[in-house]
Amino acid sequence: MTTSDPKDGGDPAESTVPGADPEAGPRVSRIRVGGEDIVVLSVPLPSLQYPEGTTPAEHEIIELVLQGLTAKEISEERGASLRTVTTQLGTIFRKAGVNSQAELIAIMTDGARTEDS
């Protein structure tokens, strides 16, 4: 178990909840931001089934969409123009048969649940 109490010399920035196995399932951590403790739940994504015909570059964009990033944030993250990302998203939407990032998230997460069932 990792603890992070500044009194015992541990790193005050992050700790792991007792009993959490970092190799399995969800992980709960505590981080300190601006003097406040924040609890973070990290859940591993199941293996994704990307829409047919999408490229590895499009997979990266899909993963950023699944993280909740906007087109503008994706362009900043990838160092690409907003117009380029918008065009790439349009191509992904066409291949996936959707009209929005929300619909893309819905089909990607529904597909992941279906595979586990």
Protein backbone atom coordinates (compact mmCIF):
# COMPACT_ATOMS: atom_id res chain seq x y z
CA MET A 1 0.00 0.00 0.00
CA THR A 2 1.25 3.44 -0.85
CA THR A 3 0.63 6.25 1.56
CA SER A 4 1.48 9.85 1.21
CA ASP A 5 1.38 11.57 4.49
CA PRO A 6 3.87 14.44 4.62
CA LYS A 7 4.39 13.62 8.30
CA ASP A 8 5.87 10.21 7.44
CA GLY A 9 8.03 11.54 4.62
CA GLY A 10 5.78 10.30 1.79
CA ASP A 11 4.97 12.33 -1.27
CA PRO A 12 2.08 14.62 -0.34
CA ALA A 13 0.88 14.79 -3.94
CA GLU A 14 -0.65 11.34 -4.37
CA SER A 15 -1.68 8.24 -2.45
CA THR A 16 -3.37 4.97 -3.22
CA VAL A 17 -6.38 3.77 -1.30
CA PRO A 18 -5.67 0.71 0.88
CA GLY A 19 -6.43 -2.57 -0.85
CA ALA A 20 -6.36 -1.11 -4.35
CA ASP A 21 -4.43 -3.30 -6.76
CA PRO A 22 -2.90 -1.09 -9.46
CA GLU A 23 -2.92 -4.05 -11.88
CA ALA A 24 -6.63 -4.81 -11.60
CA GLY A 25 -9.83 -2.88 -12.05
CA PRO A 26 -10.58 0.66 -10.98
CA ARG A 27 -8.03 2.59 -8.98
CA VAL A 28 -8.78 5.32 -6.50
CA SER A 29 -6.10 7.90 -5.79
CA ARG A 30 -5.92 11.08 -3.80
CA ILE A 31 -4.08 14.05 -5.25
CA ARG A 32 -3.41 17.42 -3.72
CA VAL A 33 -4.20 20.40 -5.95
CA GLY A 34 -3.94 23.95 -4.68
CA GLY A 35 -3.83 22.76 -1.08
CA GLU A 36 -6.99 20.67 -1.43
CA ASP A 37 -7.28 16.88 -1.56
CA ILE A 38 -9.13 15.54 -4.59
CA VAL A 39 -10.19 11.91 -4.99
CA VAL A 40 -9.63 10.52 -8.49
CA LEU A 41 -11.22 7.32 -9.80
CA SER A 42 -9.31 5.77 -12.70
CA VAL A 43 -11.13 3.08 -14.62
CA PRO A 44 -9.29 1.15 -17.35
CA LEU A 45 -11.06 1.28 -20.69
CA PRO A 46 -12.01 -2.05 -22.19
CA SER A 47 -10.44 -2.98 -25.48
CA LEU A 48 -12.02 -0.64 -28.01
CA GLN A 49 -13.50 -1.73 -31.31
CA TYR A 50 -12.83 1.19 -33.63
CA PRO A 51 -15.20 1.91 -36.51
CA GLU A 52 -14.30 -0.05 -39.63
CA GLY A 53 -11.84 1.68 -41.92
CA THR A 54 -10.46 4.12 -39.34
CA THR A 55 -6.72 4.78 -39.28
CA PRO A 56 -4.34 4.75 -36.29
CA ALA A 57 -4.34 8.58 -36.36
CA GLU A 58 -8.14 8.53 -36.23
CA HIS A 59 -7.96 6.07 -33.32
CA GLU A 60 -5.92 8.65 -31.38
CA ILE A 61 -8.58 11.27 -32.05
CA ILE A 62 -11.35 8.87 -31.01
CA GLU A 63 -9.51 8.23 -27.73
CA LEU A 64 -9.30 11.98 -27.10
CA VAL A 65 -13.03 12.31 -27.83
CA LEU A 66 -13.67 9.51 -25.31
CA GLN A 67 -11.70 11.53 -22.75
CA GLY A 68 -14.22 14.34 -23.26
CA LEU A 69 -12.00 16.75 -25.17
CA THR A 70 -13.57 19.28 -27.52
CA ALA A 71 -12.38 19.71 -31.11
CA LYS A 72 -10.42 22.78 -30.01
CA GLU A 73 -8.77 20.87 -27.16
CA ILE A 74 -7.94 17.99 -29.51
CA SER A 75 -6.31 20.44 -31.93
CA GLU A 76 -4.20 21.87 -29.09
CA GLU A 77 -3.28 18.38 -27.82
CA ARG A 78 -2.24 17.21 -31.29
CA GLY A 79 -0.62 20.46 -32.41
CA ALA A 80 -2.95 20.63 -35.41
CA SER A 81 -5.24 23.35 -36.65
CA LEU A 82 -8.86 23.34 -35.56
CA ARG A 83 -9.85 23.01 -39.23
CA THR A 84 -7.73 19.86 -39.61
CA VAL A 85 -9.26 18.27 -36.51
CA THR A 86 -12.77 19.23 -37.62
CA THR A 87 -12.13 17.59 -41.00
CA GLN A 88 -10.72 14.47 -39.29
CA LEU A 89 -13.73 14.29 -36.97
CA GLY A 90 -16.05 14.54 -39.98
CA THR A 91 -14.25 11.62 -41.60
CA ILE A 92 -14.51 9.59 -38.38
CA PHE A 93 -18.21 10.44 -38.04
CA ARG A 94 -18.86 9.30 -41.64
CA LYS A 95 -17.01 6.01 -41.09
CA ALA A 96 -18.80 5.43 -37.78
CA GLY A 97 -22.23 6.45 -39.10
CA VAL A 98 -22.71 9.20 -36.51
CA ASN A 99 -23.26 12.96 -36.57
CA SER A 100 -21.60 14.19 -33.35
CA GLN A 101 -18.97 13.52 -30.72
CA ALA A 102 -21.76 12.54 -28.31
CA GLU A 103 -23.02 9.89 -30.74
CA LEU A 104 -19.46 8.64 -31.28
CA ILE A 105 -18.99 8.29 -27.52
CA ALA A 106 -22.33 6.47 -27.27
CA ILE A 107 -21.50 3.87 -29.92
CA MET A 108 -17.95 3.38 -28.63
CA THR A 109 -19.06 2.85 -25.03
CA ASP A 110 -22.10 0.74 -25.94
CA GLY A 111 -19.88 -1.48 -28.07
CA ALA A 112 -17.45 -1.93 -25.17
CA ARG A 113 -20.28 -2.97 -22.87
CA THR A 114 -21.66 -5.39 -25.44
CA GLU A 115 -18.30 -7.13 -25.78
CA ASP A 116 -18.07 -7.69 -22.02
CA SER A 117 -21.56 -9.20 -21.84
